[in-house]
């Protein structure tokens, strides 16, 4: 009986894997491939502070002296609450804060809009200053959206399930369908040391890669 159960379990796992691969292949055909960002395209971006009196800062000032780790967050704009996947990534990056502090590398986030309480809901999970990137320079040079295709990707739902299990509450597809990412940028003109672009919602950056890149600054 046990061998038969094992065979059935293996068959089910293989079938699920084939289904997931097929759906990913199908949806990949409709997704816009990312374009690599350049330091030049990012450094002149005008960012707004979101605490206290609003000020305009150039993005270059964030990393000019010490480098920086910058999360491109996609907070929810549809009234449905912040995405559990985005909150989970914010918390994962924030867990690196002690190591980044030792290296003297600050942690920042940019958001594409500031509507309602979404940024306030995001900030408890993120241990760095948050800026508004109204022109969405950090989401380009080609802004990418997943749209309704996200419903067809098994990975998105699995990522959401893991987030719920880890205690993150919210919705899975509440990011307005825009894909975000993470940058590690070196001091001065050292350049972009790590560029992670989400393939799908919940496609988190490898935190070991972040620390490895930060140590190169």
N, C-alpha and C. Protein backbone atom coordinates (compact mmCIF):
# COMPACT_ATOMS: atom_id res chain seq x y z
N UNK A 1 0.83 -1.21 0.00
CA UNK A 1 0.00 0.00 0.00
C UNK A 1 0.86 1.26 0.00
N UNK A 2 1.92 1.20 0.82
CA UNK A 2 2.78 2.38 0.90
C UNK A 2 3.49 2.70 -0.42
N UNK A 3 4.04 1.66 -1.15
CA UNK A 3 4.66 1.96 -2.45
C UNK A 3 3.68 2.60 -3.42
N UNK A 4 2.41 2.10 -3.40
CA UNK A 4 1.41 2.66 -4.30
C UNK A 4 1.12 4.12 -3.95
N UNK A 5 1.04 4.41 -2.64
CA UNK A 5 0.81 5.78 -2.20
C UNK A 5 1.95 6.68 -2.64
N UNK A 6 3.18 6.15 -2.53
CA UNK A 6 4.35 6.92 -2.94
C UNK A 6 4.34 7.23 -4.42
N UNK A 7 3.91 6.25 -5.23
CA UNK A 7 3.84 6.45 -6.68
C UNK A 7 2.80 7.52 -7.01
N UNK A 8 1.65 7.44 -6.34
CA UNK A 8 0.60 8.44 -6.58
C UNK A 8 1.07 9.83 -6.19
N UNK A 9 1.75 9.92 -5.02
CA UNK A 9 2.27 11.21 -4.58
C UNK A 9 3.27 11.79 -5.56
N UNK A 10 4.15 10.94 -6.08
CA UNK A 10 5.15 11.39 -7.05
C UNK A 10 4.49 11.86 -8.34
N UNK A 11 3.45 11.12 -8.75
CA UNK A 11 2.73 11.48 -9.97
C UNK A 11 2.03 12.83 -9.81
N UNK A 12 1.42 13.04 -8.64
CA UNK A 12 0.74 14.31 -8.38
C UNK A 12 1.74 15.46 -8.37
N UNK A 13 2.90 15.24 -7.71
CA UNK A 13 3.93 16.28 -7.65
C UNK A 13 4.44 16.61 -9.05
N UNK A 14 4.66 15.56 -9.86
CA UNK A 14 5.14 15.77 -11.23
C UNK A 14 4.11 16.53 -12.05
N UNK A 15 2.83 16.16 -11.86
CA UNK A 15 1.76 16.85 -12.59
C UNK A 15 1.66 18.31 -12.21
N UNK A 16 1.79 18.60 -10.90
CA UNK A 16 1.74 19.99 -10.44
C UNK A 16 2.92 20.78 -10.99
N UNK A 17 4.09 20.14 -11.00
CA UNK A 17 5.27 20.81 -11.53
C UNK A 17 5.12 21.12 -13.01
N UNK A 18 4.57 20.16 -13.77
CA UNK A 18 4.35 20.37 -15.20
C UNK A 18 3.34 21.48 -15.44
N UNK A 19 2.28 21.48 -14.62
CA UNK A 19 1.25 22.53 -14.76
C UNK A 19 1.85 23.91 -14.49
N UNK A 20 2.64 24.02 -13.41
CA UNK A 20 3.25 25.30 -13.07
C UNK A 20 4.20 25.77 -14.17
N UNK A 21 5.00 24.85 -14.70
CA UNK A 21 5.95 25.20 -15.76
C UNK A 21 5.21 25.65 -17.01
N UNK A 22 4.10 24.96 -17.32
CA UNK A 22 3.32 25.31 -18.51
C UNK A 22 2.71 26.70 -18.37
N UNK A 23 2.13 26.99 -17.20
CA UNK A 23 1.52 28.29 -16.98
C UNK A 23 2.56 29.41 -16.99
N UNK A 24 3.74 29.14 -16.41
CA UNK A 24 4.80 30.15 -16.43
C UNK A 24 5.26 30.42 -17.86
N UNK A 25 5.42 29.35 -18.65
CA UNK A 25 5.83 29.51 -20.04
C UNK A 25 4.81 30.33 -20.81
N UNK A 26 3.53 30.05 -20.57
CA UNK A 26 2.45 30.78 -21.26
C UNK A 26 2.45 32.25 -20.87
N UNK A 27 2.51 32.54 -19.56
CA UNK A 27 2.45 33.94 -19.12
C UNK A 27 3.71 34.71 -19.47
N UNK A 28 4.86 34.02 -19.50
CA UNK A 28 6.11 34.70 -19.86
C UNK A 28 6.04 35.31 -21.26
N UNK A 29 5.26 34.70 -22.15
CA UNK A 29 5.15 35.21 -23.51
C UNK A 29 4.50 36.59 -23.56
N UNK A 30 3.73 36.92 -22.52
CA UNK A 30 3.00 38.18 -22.51
C UNK A 30 3.61 39.22 -21.58
N UNK A 31 4.67 38.85 -20.86
CA UNK A 31 5.30 39.77 -19.92
C UNK A 31 6.38 40.59 -20.62
N UNK A 32 6.45 41.86 -20.28
CA UNK A 32 7.47 42.73 -20.84
C UNK A 32 8.81 42.43 -20.18
N UNK A 33 9.84 42.10 -20.97
CA UNK A 33 11.15 41.83 -20.36
C UNK A 33 11.74 43.11 -19.79
N UNK A 34 12.50 43.00 -18.70
CA UNK A 34 13.08 44.21 -18.09
C UNK A 34 14.24 44.75 -18.90
N UNK A 35 14.47 46.05 -18.79
CA UNK A 35 15.65 46.69 -19.34
C UNK A 35 16.57 47.05 -18.18
N UNK A 36 17.85 46.85 -18.36
CA UNK A 36 18.80 47.19 -17.31
C UNK A 36 18.82 48.70 -17.08
N UNK A 37 18.80 49.08 -15.81
CA UNK A 37 18.91 50.51 -15.47
C UNK A 37 20.37 50.94 -15.59
N UNK A 38 20.58 52.21 -15.77
CA UNK A 38 21.93 52.77 -15.77
C UNK A 38 22.03 53.77 -14.63
N UNK A 39 23.24 53.97 -14.14
CA UNK A 39 23.43 54.94 -13.07
C UNK A 39 22.95 56.31 -13.51
N UNK A 40 23.20 56.63 -14.75
CA UNK A 40 22.80 57.95 -15.28
C UNK A 40 21.28 58.12 -15.24
N UNK A 41 20.54 57.04 -15.53
CA UNK A 41 19.08 57.15 -15.57
C UNK A 41 18.48 57.30 -14.17
N UNK A 42 19.23 56.87 -13.16
CA UNK A 42 18.72 56.92 -11.79
C UNK A 42 19.17 58.15 -11.02
N UNK A 43 20.41 58.59 -11.24
CA UNK A 43 21.00 59.56 -10.32
C UNK A 43 20.34 60.93 -10.36
N UNK A 44 19.71 61.30 -11.47
CA UNK A 44 19.05 62.61 -11.55
C UNK A 44 17.59 62.56 -11.16
N UNK A 45 17.11 61.40 -10.75
CA UNK A 45 15.70 61.28 -10.34
C UNK A 45 15.41 62.21 -9.17
N UNK A 46 14.29 62.89 -9.22
CA UNK A 46 13.88 63.77 -8.13
C UNK A 46 12.95 63.00 -7.20
N UNK A 47 13.33 62.91 -5.94
CA UNK A 47 12.57 62.16 -4.95
C UNK A 47 12.02 63.10 -3.89
N UNK A 48 10.82 62.82 -3.44
CA UNK A 48 10.20 63.64 -2.39
C UNK A 48 10.29 62.92 -1.05
N UNK A 49 10.66 63.66 -0.02
CA UNK A 49 10.63 63.09 1.33
C UNK A 49 9.17 62.98 1.77
N UNK A 50 8.90 62.01 2.64
CA UNK A 50 7.53 61.76 3.09
C UNK A 50 7.36 61.99 4.59
N UNK A 51 8.42 62.45 5.25
CA UNK A 51 8.34 62.77 6.67
C UNK A 51 8.57 64.26 6.87
N UNK A 52 7.76 64.85 7.72
CA UNK A 52 7.92 66.28 8.01
C UNK A 52 7.64 67.12 6.78
N UNK A 53 8.32 68.26 6.69
CA UNK A 53 8.13 69.17 5.55
C UNK A 53 8.68 68.52 4.29
N UNK A 54 7.89 68.56 3.22
CA UNK A 54 8.30 67.92 1.97
C UNK A 54 9.52 68.61 1.38
N UNK A 55 10.51 67.82 1.04
CA UNK A 55 11.71 68.32 0.37
C UNK A 55 11.97 67.48 -0.86
N UNK A 56 12.64 68.09 -1.83
CA UNK A 56 13.04 67.39 -3.05
C UNK A 56 14.53 67.10 -2.97
N UNK A 57 14.88 65.84 -3.15
CA UNK A 57 16.30 65.47 -3.15
C UNK A 57 16.59 64.72 -4.45
N UNK A 58 17.82 64.84 -4.92
CA UNK A 58 18.22 64.05 -6.08
C UNK A 58 18.62 62.66 -5.59
N UNK A 59 18.29 61.67 -6.38
CA UNK A 59 18.57 60.29 -5.98
C UNK A 59 20.06 60.08 -5.73
N UNK A 60 20.90 60.76 -6.47
CA UNK A 60 22.34 60.59 -6.32
C UNK A 60 22.81 60.85 -4.90
N UNK A 61 22.12 61.77 -4.21
CA UNK A 61 22.53 62.11 -2.84
C UNK A 61 22.36 60.95 -1.87
N UNK A 62 21.55 59.94 -2.24
CA UNK A 62 21.31 58.80 -1.35
C UNK A 62 22.54 57.89 -1.26
N UNK A 63 23.29 57.81 -2.35
CA UNK A 63 24.42 56.87 -2.37
C UNK A 63 25.77 57.53 -2.62
N UNK A 64 25.80 58.84 -2.82
CA UNK A 64 27.03 59.51 -3.26
C UNK A 64 28.21 59.27 -2.31
N UNK A 65 27.96 59.30 -1.01
CA UNK A 65 29.06 59.19 -0.05
C UNK A 65 29.25 57.80 0.52
N UNK A 66 28.19 57.00 0.55
CA UNK A 66 28.30 55.72 1.26
C UNK A 66 27.70 54.54 0.51
N UNK A 67 27.21 54.76 -0.70
CA UNK A 67 26.46 53.71 -1.37
C UNK A 67 25.10 53.54 -0.70
N UNK A 68 24.27 52.65 -1.21
CA UNK A 68 22.94 52.46 -0.63
C UNK A 68 22.29 51.20 -1.16
N UNK A 69 21.39 50.66 -0.34
CA UNK A 69 20.48 49.60 -0.77
C UNK A 69 19.10 50.24 -0.91
N UNK A 70 18.49 50.10 -2.07
CA UNK A 70 17.22 50.78 -2.34
C UNK A 70 16.19 49.78 -2.83
N UNK A 71 15.08 49.72 -2.12
CA UNK A 71 13.95 48.87 -2.51
C UNK A 71 12.94 49.68 -3.30
N UNK A 72 12.53 49.17 -4.44
CA UNK A 72 11.45 49.79 -5.22
C UNK A 72 10.16 49.09 -4.82
N UNK A 73 9.44 49.70 -3.90
CA UNK A 73 8.24 49.07 -3.34
C UNK A 73 7.01 49.46 -4.14
N UNK A 74 6.09 48.52 -4.26
CA UNK A 74 4.83 48.77 -4.96
C UNK A 74 3.70 48.63 -3.96
N UNK A 75 3.46 49.69 -3.21
CA UNK A 75 2.39 49.66 -2.22
C UNK A 75 1.06 49.68 -2.93
N UNK A 76 0.04 49.14 -2.26
CA UNK A 76 -1.28 48.99 -2.88
C UNK A 76 -1.93 50.33 -3.12
N UNK A 77 -2.56 50.45 -4.28
CA UNK A 77 -3.25 51.69 -4.60
C UNK A 77 -4.72 51.46 -4.96
N UNK A 78 -5.19 50.24 -4.71
CA UNK A 78 -6.56 49.91 -5.12
C UNK A 78 -7.53 49.83 -3.95
N UNK A 79 -7.05 50.28 -2.76
CA UNK A 79 -7.92 50.26 -1.61
C UNK A 79 -8.03 48.91 -0.94
N UNK A 80 -7.28 47.92 -1.45
CA UNK A 80 -7.41 46.58 -0.92
C UNK A 80 -6.41 46.24 0.16
N UNK A 81 -5.57 47.18 0.55
CA UNK A 81 -4.57 46.89 1.56
C UNK A 81 -3.25 46.52 0.93
N UNK A 82 -2.18 46.63 1.70
CA UNK A 82 -0.86 46.35 1.15
C UNK A 82 -0.69 44.88 0.87
N UNK A 83 0.05 44.59 -0.20
CA UNK A 83 0.31 43.21 -0.57
C UNK A 83 1.17 42.53 0.48
N UNK A 84 0.78 41.33 0.86
CA UNK A 84 1.58 40.58 1.83
C UNK A 84 2.96 40.30 1.27
N UNK A 85 3.07 40.17 -0.04
CA UNK A 85 4.35 39.85 -0.65
C UNK A 85 5.32 41.02 -0.54
N UNK A 86 4.82 42.22 -0.75
CA UNK A 86 5.66 43.40 -0.63
C UNK A 86 6.08 43.63 0.82
N UNK A 87 5.15 43.42 1.75
CA UNK A 87 5.48 43.59 3.16
C UNK A 87 6.51 42.57 3.61
N UNK A 88 6.39 41.35 3.10
CA UNK A 88 7.34 40.30 3.45
C UNK A 88 8.74 40.67 2.96
N UNK A 89 8.84 41.20 1.75
CA UNK A 89 10.16 41.59 1.24
C UNK A 89 10.73 42.76 2.02
N UNK A 90 9.87 43.70 2.40
CA UNK A 90 10.33 44.83 3.21
C UNK A 90 10.93 44.35 4.52
N UNK A 91 10.25 43.39 5.15
CA UNK A 91 10.75 42.85 6.41
C UNK A 91 12.06 42.09 6.22
N UNK A 92 12.17 41.35 5.10
CA UNK A 92 13.39 40.59 4.83
C UNK A 92 14.58 41.52 4.64
N UNK A 93 14.39 42.59 3.89
CA UNK A 93 15.47 43.56 3.70
C UNK A 93 15.81 44.26 5.01
N UNK A 94 14.79 44.56 5.79
CA UNK A 94 15.03 45.24 7.07
C UNK A 94 15.81 44.37 8.05
N UNK A 95 15.70 43.06 7.89
CA UNK A 95 16.47 42.16 8.76
C UNK A 95 17.98 42.30 8.52
N UNK A 96 18.35 42.90 7.39
CA UNK A 96 19.76 43.12 7.07
C UNK A 96 20.30 44.42 7.67
N UNK A 97 19.42 45.21 8.27
CA UNK A 97 19.81 46.55 8.73
C UNK A 97 21.03 46.52 9.67
N UNK A 98 21.11 45.61 10.65
CA UNK A 98 22.29 45.60 11.51
C UNK A 98 23.60 45.38 10.74
N UNK A 99 23.55 44.48 9.76
CA UNK A 99 24.75 44.22 8.95
C UNK A 99 25.08 45.42 8.06
N UNK A 100 24.05 46.03 7.49
CA UNK A 100 24.28 47.21 6.65
C UNK A 100 24.82 48.36 7.48
N UNK A 101 24.33 48.51 8.71
CA UNK A 101 24.83 49.58 9.58
C UNK A 101 26.32 49.38 9.88
N UNK A 102 26.72 48.13 10.08
CA UNK A 102 28.13 47.85 10.33
C UNK A 102 28.99 48.23 9.12
N UNK A 103 28.44 48.04 7.94
CA UNK A 103 29.15 48.39 6.71
C UNK A 103 29.05 49.87 6.38
N UNK A 104 28.18 50.59 7.10
CA UNK A 104 27.98 52.00 6.82
C UNK A 104 27.16 52.27 5.57
N UNK A 105 26.31 51.30 5.21
CA UNK A 105 25.49 51.40 4.00
C UNK A 105 24.03 51.61 4.40
N UNK A 106 23.42 52.72 4.01
CA UNK A 106 22.02 52.99 4.40
C UNK A 106 21.03 52.17 3.58
N UNK A 107 19.85 51.99 4.15
CA UNK A 107 18.75 51.27 3.50
C UNK A 107 17.61 52.25 3.24
N UNK A 108 17.17 52.31 1.99
CA UNK A 108 16.08 53.21 1.60
C UNK A 108 15.03 52.44 0.80
N UNK A 109 13.87 53.07 0.65
CA UNK A 109 12.84 52.55 -0.26
C UNK A 109 12.26 53.72 -1.05
N UNK A 110 11.83 53.43 -2.26
CA UNK A 110 11.07 54.41 -3.03
C UNK A 110 9.71 53.80 -3.33
N UNK A 111 8.68 54.64 -3.35
CA UNK A 111 7.34 54.20 -3.73
C UNK A 111 6.89 55.03 -4.91
N UNK A 112 5.99 54.47 -5.70
CA UNK A 112 5.56 55.14 -6.93
C UNK A 112 4.44 56.14 -6.70
N UNK A 113 3.76 56.05 -5.55
CA UNK A 113 2.69 56.98 -5.24
C UNK A 113 2.44 56.97 -3.74
N UNK A 114 1.79 58.01 -3.28
CA UNK A 114 1.46 58.13 -1.86
C UNK A 114 -0.02 58.46 -1.75
N UNK A 115 -0.83 57.42 -1.69
CA UNK A 115 -2.29 57.57 -1.68
C UNK A 115 -2.84 56.92 -0.42
N UNK A 116 -3.72 57.64 0.29
CA UNK A 116 -4.32 57.07 1.49
C UNK A 116 -3.29 56.77 2.56
N UNK A 117 -3.41 55.61 3.17
CA UNK A 117 -2.53 55.23 4.28
C UNK A 117 -1.54 54.14 3.89
N UNK A 118 -1.38 53.89 2.59
CA UNK A 118 -0.58 52.74 2.17
C UNK A 118 0.89 52.85 2.63
N UNK A 119 1.48 54.05 2.54
CA UNK A 119 2.87 54.20 2.96
C UNK A 119 2.97 54.05 4.47
N UNK A 120 2.00 54.59 5.20
CA UNK A 120 1.99 54.42 6.66
C UNK A 120 1.90 52.94 7.04
N UNK A 121 1.13 52.19 6.28
CA UNK A 121 1.00 50.76 6.55
C UNK A 121 2.29 50.00 6.22
N UNK A 122 3.03 50.53 5.27
CA UNK A 122 4.27 49.90 4.83
C UNK A 122 5.42 50.14 5.80
N UNK A 123 5.48 51.34 6.35
CA UNK A 123 6.65 51.75 7.13
C UNK A 123 6.95 50.90 8.36
N UNK A 124 5.95 50.34 9.08
CA UNK A 124 6.31 49.49 10.22
C UNK A 124 7.14 48.27 9.84
N UNK A 125 7.08 47.86 8.58
CA UNK A 125 7.81 46.68 8.13
C UNK A 125 9.17 47.02 7.54
N UNK A 126 9.43 48.32 7.34
CA UNK A 126 10.65 48.73 6.64
C UNK A 126 11.46 49.67 7.52
N UNK A 127 12.72 49.31 7.79
CA UNK A 127 13.56 50.06 8.71
C UNK A 127 14.49 51.03 7.99
N UNK A 128 13.91 51.83 7.14
CA UNK A 128 14.69 52.82 6.41
C UNK A 128 13.79 53.95 5.96
N UNK A 129 14.39 55.03 5.48
CA UNK A 129 13.59 56.16 5.02
C UNK A 129 12.95 55.83 3.68
N UNK A 130 11.72 56.34 3.49
CA UNK A 130 10.95 56.08 2.27
C UNK A 130 10.78 57.39 1.50
N UNK A 131 11.00 57.32 0.20
CA UNK A 131 10.87 58.48 -0.68
C UNK A 131 9.83 58.21 -1.76
N UNK A 132 9.27 59.29 -2.28
CA UNK A 132 8.29 59.19 -3.36
C UNK A 132 8.98 59.45 -4.70
N UNK A 133 8.86 58.51 -5.60
CA UNK A 133 9.43 58.61 -6.95
C UNK A 133 8.28 58.81 -7.93
N UNK A 134 7.80 60.05 -8.02
CA UNK A 134 6.60 60.33 -8.82
C UNK A 134 6.80 60.02 -10.30
N UNK A 135 8.01 60.23 -10.81
CA UNK A 135 8.27 59.97 -12.23
C UNK A 135 8.64 58.52 -12.49
N UNK A 136 8.70 57.73 -11.42
CA UNK A 136 8.91 56.28 -11.51
C UNK A 136 10.21 55.93 -12.23
N UNK A 137 11.26 56.69 -11.97
CA UNK A 137 12.55 56.42 -12.62
C UNK A 137 13.13 55.07 -12.16
N UNK A 138 12.88 54.72 -10.90
CA UNK A 138 13.43 53.48 -10.39
C UNK A 138 12.66 52.25 -10.87
N UNK A 139 11.50 52.47 -11.47
CA UNK A 139 10.69 51.36 -11.98
C UNK A 139 10.92 51.15 -13.47
N UNK A 140 11.78 51.98 -14.06
CA UNK A 140 12.09 51.89 -15.48
C UNK A 140 13.47 51.29 -15.68
N UNK A 141 14.09 51.53 -16.83
CA UNK A 141 13.61 52.41 -17.90
C UNK A 141 12.36 51.92 -18.62
N UNK A 142 11.98 50.68 -18.43
CA UNK A 142 10.72 50.18 -18.98
C UNK A 142 9.89 49.63 -17.82
N UNK A 143 8.85 50.39 -17.44
CA UNK A 143 8.01 49.94 -16.33
C UNK A 143 7.29 48.66 -16.72
N UNK A 144 7.26 47.73 -15.78
CA UNK A 144 6.71 46.40 -16.07
C UNK A 144 5.51 46.12 -15.18
N UNK A 145 4.46 45.58 -15.79
CA UNK A 145 3.26 45.23 -15.06
C UNK A 145 2.91 43.77 -15.34
N UNK A 146 2.42 43.11 -14.33
CA UNK A 146 2.03 41.71 -14.49
C UNK A 146 0.55 41.59 -14.84
N UNK A 147 -0.28 42.47 -14.33
CA UNK A 147 -1.69 42.44 -14.65
C UNK A 147 -2.38 41.17 -14.20
N UNK A 148 -3.42 40.79 -14.90
CA UNK A 148 -4.21 39.63 -14.53
C UNK A 148 -3.48 38.32 -14.74
N UNK A 149 -2.33 38.37 -15.43
CA UNK A 149 -1.54 37.15 -15.62
C UNK A 149 -1.08 36.58 -14.29
N UNK A 150 -0.99 37.44 -13.28
CA UNK A 150 -0.55 36.98 -11.96
C UNK A 150 -1.46 35.88 -11.42
N UNK A 151 -2.74 35.94 -11.78
CA UNK A 151 -3.69 34.92 -11.30
C UNK A 151 -3.34 33.54 -11.83
N UNK A 152 -2.59 33.49 -12.95
CA UNK A 152 -2.29 32.22 -13.60
C UNK A 152 -0.95 31.63 -13.18
N UNK A 153 -0.19 32.35 -12.35
CA UNK A 153 1.14 31.87 -11.98
C UNK A 153 1.09 31.22 -10.60
N UNK A 154 1.42 29.95 -10.59
CA UNK A 154 1.38 29.19 -9.34
C UNK A 154 2.33 29.79 -8.32
N UNK A 155 3.48 30.28 -8.79
CA UNK A 155 4.48 30.84 -7.89
C UNK A 155 3.96 32.01 -7.07
N UNK A 156 3.10 32.82 -7.68
CA UNK A 156 2.55 33.98 -6.97
C UNK A 156 1.71 33.51 -5.79
N UNK A 157 0.86 32.51 -6.03
CA UNK A 157 0.00 32.01 -4.96
C UNK A 157 0.79 31.28 -3.90
N UNK A 158 1.84 30.56 -4.30
CA UNK A 158 2.69 29.87 -3.32
C UNK A 158 3.44 30.89 -2.47
N UNK A 159 3.93 31.95 -3.11
CA UNK A 159 4.61 33.01 -2.35
C UNK A 159 3.66 33.66 -1.36
N UNK A 160 2.43 33.87 -1.80
CA UNK A 160 1.43 34.45 -0.90
C UNK A 160 1.11 33.54 0.27
N UNK A 161 1.03 32.24 0.00
CA UNK A 161 0.75 31.28 1.08
C UNK A 161 1.87 31.28 2.11
N UNK A 162 3.13 31.33 1.65
CA UNK A 162 4.26 31.38 2.58
C UNK A 162 4.21 32.66 3.42
N UNK A 163 3.83 33.76 2.77
CA UNK A 163 3.74 35.03 3.51
C UNK A 163 2.67 34.96 4.60
N UNK A 164 1.51 34.39 4.27
CA UNK A 164 0.45 34.25 5.27
C UNK A 164 0.91 33.38 6.43
N UNK A 165 1.62 32.30 6.11
CA UNK A 165 2.12 31.40 7.15
C UNK A 165 3.12 32.10 8.06
N UNK A 166 3.82 33.08 7.50
CA UNK A 166 4.81 33.83 8.28
C UNK A 166 4.19 35.01 9.03
N UNK A 167 2.86 35.14 8.94
CA UNK A 167 2.16 36.15 9.73
C UNK A 167 1.93 37.47 9.06
N UNK A 168 2.17 37.55 7.74
CA UNK A 168 1.93 38.80 7.02
C UNK A 168 0.50 38.80 6.52
N UNK A 169 -0.24 39.86 6.86
CA UNK A 169 -1.65 39.94 6.51
C UNK A 169 -1.87 41.02 5.46
N UNK A 170 -2.76 40.73 4.51
CA UNK A 170 -3.06 41.67 3.44
C UNK A 170 -3.56 40.88 2.26
N UNK A 171 -3.47 41.44 1.05
CA UNK A 171 -3.88 40.66 -0.11
C UNK A 171 -2.66 40.32 -0.97
N UNK A 172 -2.81 39.33 -1.82
CA UNK A 172 -1.69 38.85 -2.62
C UNK A 172 -1.46 39.73 -3.84
N UNK A 173 -2.54 40.27 -4.41
CA UNK A 173 -2.41 41.00 -5.67
C UNK A 173 -2.76 42.48 -5.46
N UNK A 174 -2.28 43.06 -4.37
CA UNK A 174 -2.66 44.43 -4.06
C UNK A 174 -1.64 45.46 -4.45
N UNK A 175 -0.70 45.14 -5.34
CA UNK A 175 0.37 46.05 -5.65
C UNK A 175 0.05 46.95 -6.84
N UNK A 176 -1.21 46.89 -7.34
CA UNK A 176 -1.50 47.66 -8.53
C UNK A 176 -0.88 47.03 -9.75
N UNK A 177 -0.35 45.79 -9.63
CA UNK A 177 0.18 45.00 -10.73
C UNK A 177 1.53 45.48 -11.27
N UNK A 178 2.15 46.49 -10.66
CA UNK A 178 3.47 46.94 -11.08
C UNK A 178 4.54 46.11 -10.38
N UNK A 179 5.54 45.68 -11.13
CA UNK A 179 6.63 44.89 -10.57
C UNK A 179 7.73 45.80 -10.05
N UNK A 180 8.26 45.47 -8.89
CA UNK A 180 9.30 46.29 -8.27
C UNK A 180 10.66 45.63 -8.36
N UNK A 181 11.53 45.97 -7.41
CA UNK A 181 12.88 45.41 -7.43
C UNK A 181 13.73 45.97 -6.31
N UNK A 182 15.01 45.65 -6.37
CA UNK A 182 15.97 46.10 -5.36
C UNK A 182 17.28 46.45 -6.07
N UNK A 183 17.89 47.57 -5.64
CA UNK A 183 19.19 47.97 -6.15
C UNK A 183 20.19 48.05 -5.01
N UNK A 184 21.43 47.67 -5.30
CA UNK A 184 22.56 48.02 -4.44
C UNK A 184 23.46 48.90 -5.31
N UNK A 185 23.65 50.14 -4.88
CA UNK A 185 24.39 51.12 -5.68
C UNK A 185 25.63 51.55 -4.91
N UNK A 186 26.76 51.57 -5.61
CA UNK A 186 28.03 51.90 -4.98
C UNK A 186 28.20 53.38 -4.75
N UNK A 187 29.27 53.71 -4.05
CA UNK A 187 29.60 55.10 -3.72
C UNK A 187 30.00 55.87 -4.99
N UNK A 188 29.57 57.14 -5.05
CA UNK A 188 29.97 57.99 -6.16
C UNK A 188 29.56 57.42 -7.50
N UNK A 189 30.57 57.20 -8.36
CA UNK A 189 30.32 56.66 -9.69
C UNK A 189 30.68 55.17 -9.79
N UNK A 190 30.69 54.49 -8.66
CA UNK A 190 31.03 53.07 -8.66
C UNK A 190 30.02 52.26 -9.48
N UNK A 191 28.80 52.72 -9.51
CA UNK A 191 27.81 52.07 -10.35
C UNK A 191 26.84 51.17 -9.61
N UNK A 192 26.01 50.49 -10.39
CA UNK A 192 24.99 49.59 -9.85
C UNK A 192 25.64 48.22 -9.62
N UNK A 193 25.73 47.81 -8.38
CA UNK A 193 26.41 46.57 -8.02
C UNK A 193 25.46 45.37 -8.02
N UNK A 194 24.18 45.64 -7.83
CA UNK A 194 23.16 44.58 -7.87
C UNK A 194 21.86 45.20 -8.34
N UNK A 195 21.24 44.56 -9.31
CA UNK A 195 19.91 44.99 -9.79
C UNK A 195 19.01 43.76 -9.85
N UNK A 196 18.03 43.74 -8.97
CA UNK A 196 17.07 42.63 -8.94
C UNK A 196 15.71 43.16 -9.41
N UNK A 197 15.20 42.59 -10.49
CA UNK A 197 13.87 42.94 -10.99
C UNK A 197 12.94 41.76 -10.77
N UNK A 198 11.78 42.02 -10.19
CA UNK A 198 10.82 40.96 -9.95
C UNK A 198 10.39 40.30 -11.26
N UNK A 199 10.37 38.98 -11.27
CA UNK A 199 9.82 38.24 -12.39
C UNK A 199 8.32 38.07 -12.21
N UNK A 200 7.92 37.91 -10.95
CA UNK A 200 6.52 37.81 -10.59
C UNK A 200 6.37 38.35 -9.17
N UNK A 201 5.15 38.60 -8.72
CA UNK A 201 4.94 39.10 -7.37
C UNK A 201 5.49 38.09 -6.35
N UNK A 202 6.23 38.60 -5.39
CA UNK A 202 6.81 37.73 -4.38
C UNK A 202 8.17 37.18 -4.75
N UNK A 203 8.70 37.58 -5.91
CA UNK A 203 10.03 37.13 -6.34
C UNK A 203 11.07 37.96 -5.58
N UNK A 204 11.37 37.53 -4.37
CA UNK A 204 12.23 38.31 -3.48
C UNK A 204 13.69 38.24 -3.90
N UNK A 205 14.40 39.30 -3.62
CA UNK A 205 15.84 39.31 -3.83
C UNK A 205 16.51 38.38 -2.82
N UNK A 206 17.60 37.76 -3.23
CA UNK A 206 18.38 36.93 -2.32
C UNK A 206 19.14 37.85 -1.37
N UNK A 207 18.84 37.76 -0.07
CA UNK A 207 19.46 38.68 0.88
C UNK A 207 20.97 38.48 0.98
N UNK A 208 21.44 37.28 0.72
CA UNK A 208 22.89 37.04 0.72
C UNK A 208 23.56 37.80 -0.42
N UNK A 209 22.87 37.88 -1.56
CA UNK A 209 23.40 38.65 -2.69
C UNK A 209 23.47 40.14 -2.33
N UNK A 210 22.47 40.60 -1.57
CA UNK A 210 22.46 42.02 -1.17
C UNK A 210 23.66 42.34 -0.29
N UNK A 211 23.91 41.51 0.71
CA UNK A 211 25.04 41.74 1.61
C UNK A 211 26.36 41.61 0.85
N UNK A 212 26.44 40.64 -0.04
CA UNK A 212 27.66 40.45 -0.83
C UNK A 212 27.97 41.69 -1.67
N UNK A 213 26.91 42.25 -2.28
CA UNK A 213 27.11 43.45 -3.08
C UNK A 213 27.45 44.65 -2.20
N UNK A 214 26.81 44.75 -1.03
CA UNK A 214 27.08 45.88 -0.11
C UNK A 214 28.53 45.86 0.36
N UNK A 215 29.10 44.68 0.51
CA UNK A 215 30.49 44.58 0.95
C UNK A 215 31.48 45.05 -0.12
N UNK A 216 31.00 45.16 -1.34
CA UNK A 216 31.87 45.64 -2.43
C UNK A 216 31.94 47.16 -2.48
N UNK A 217 31.08 47.82 -1.73
CA UNK A 217 31.07 49.29 -1.77
C UNK A 217 32.32 49.83 -1.08
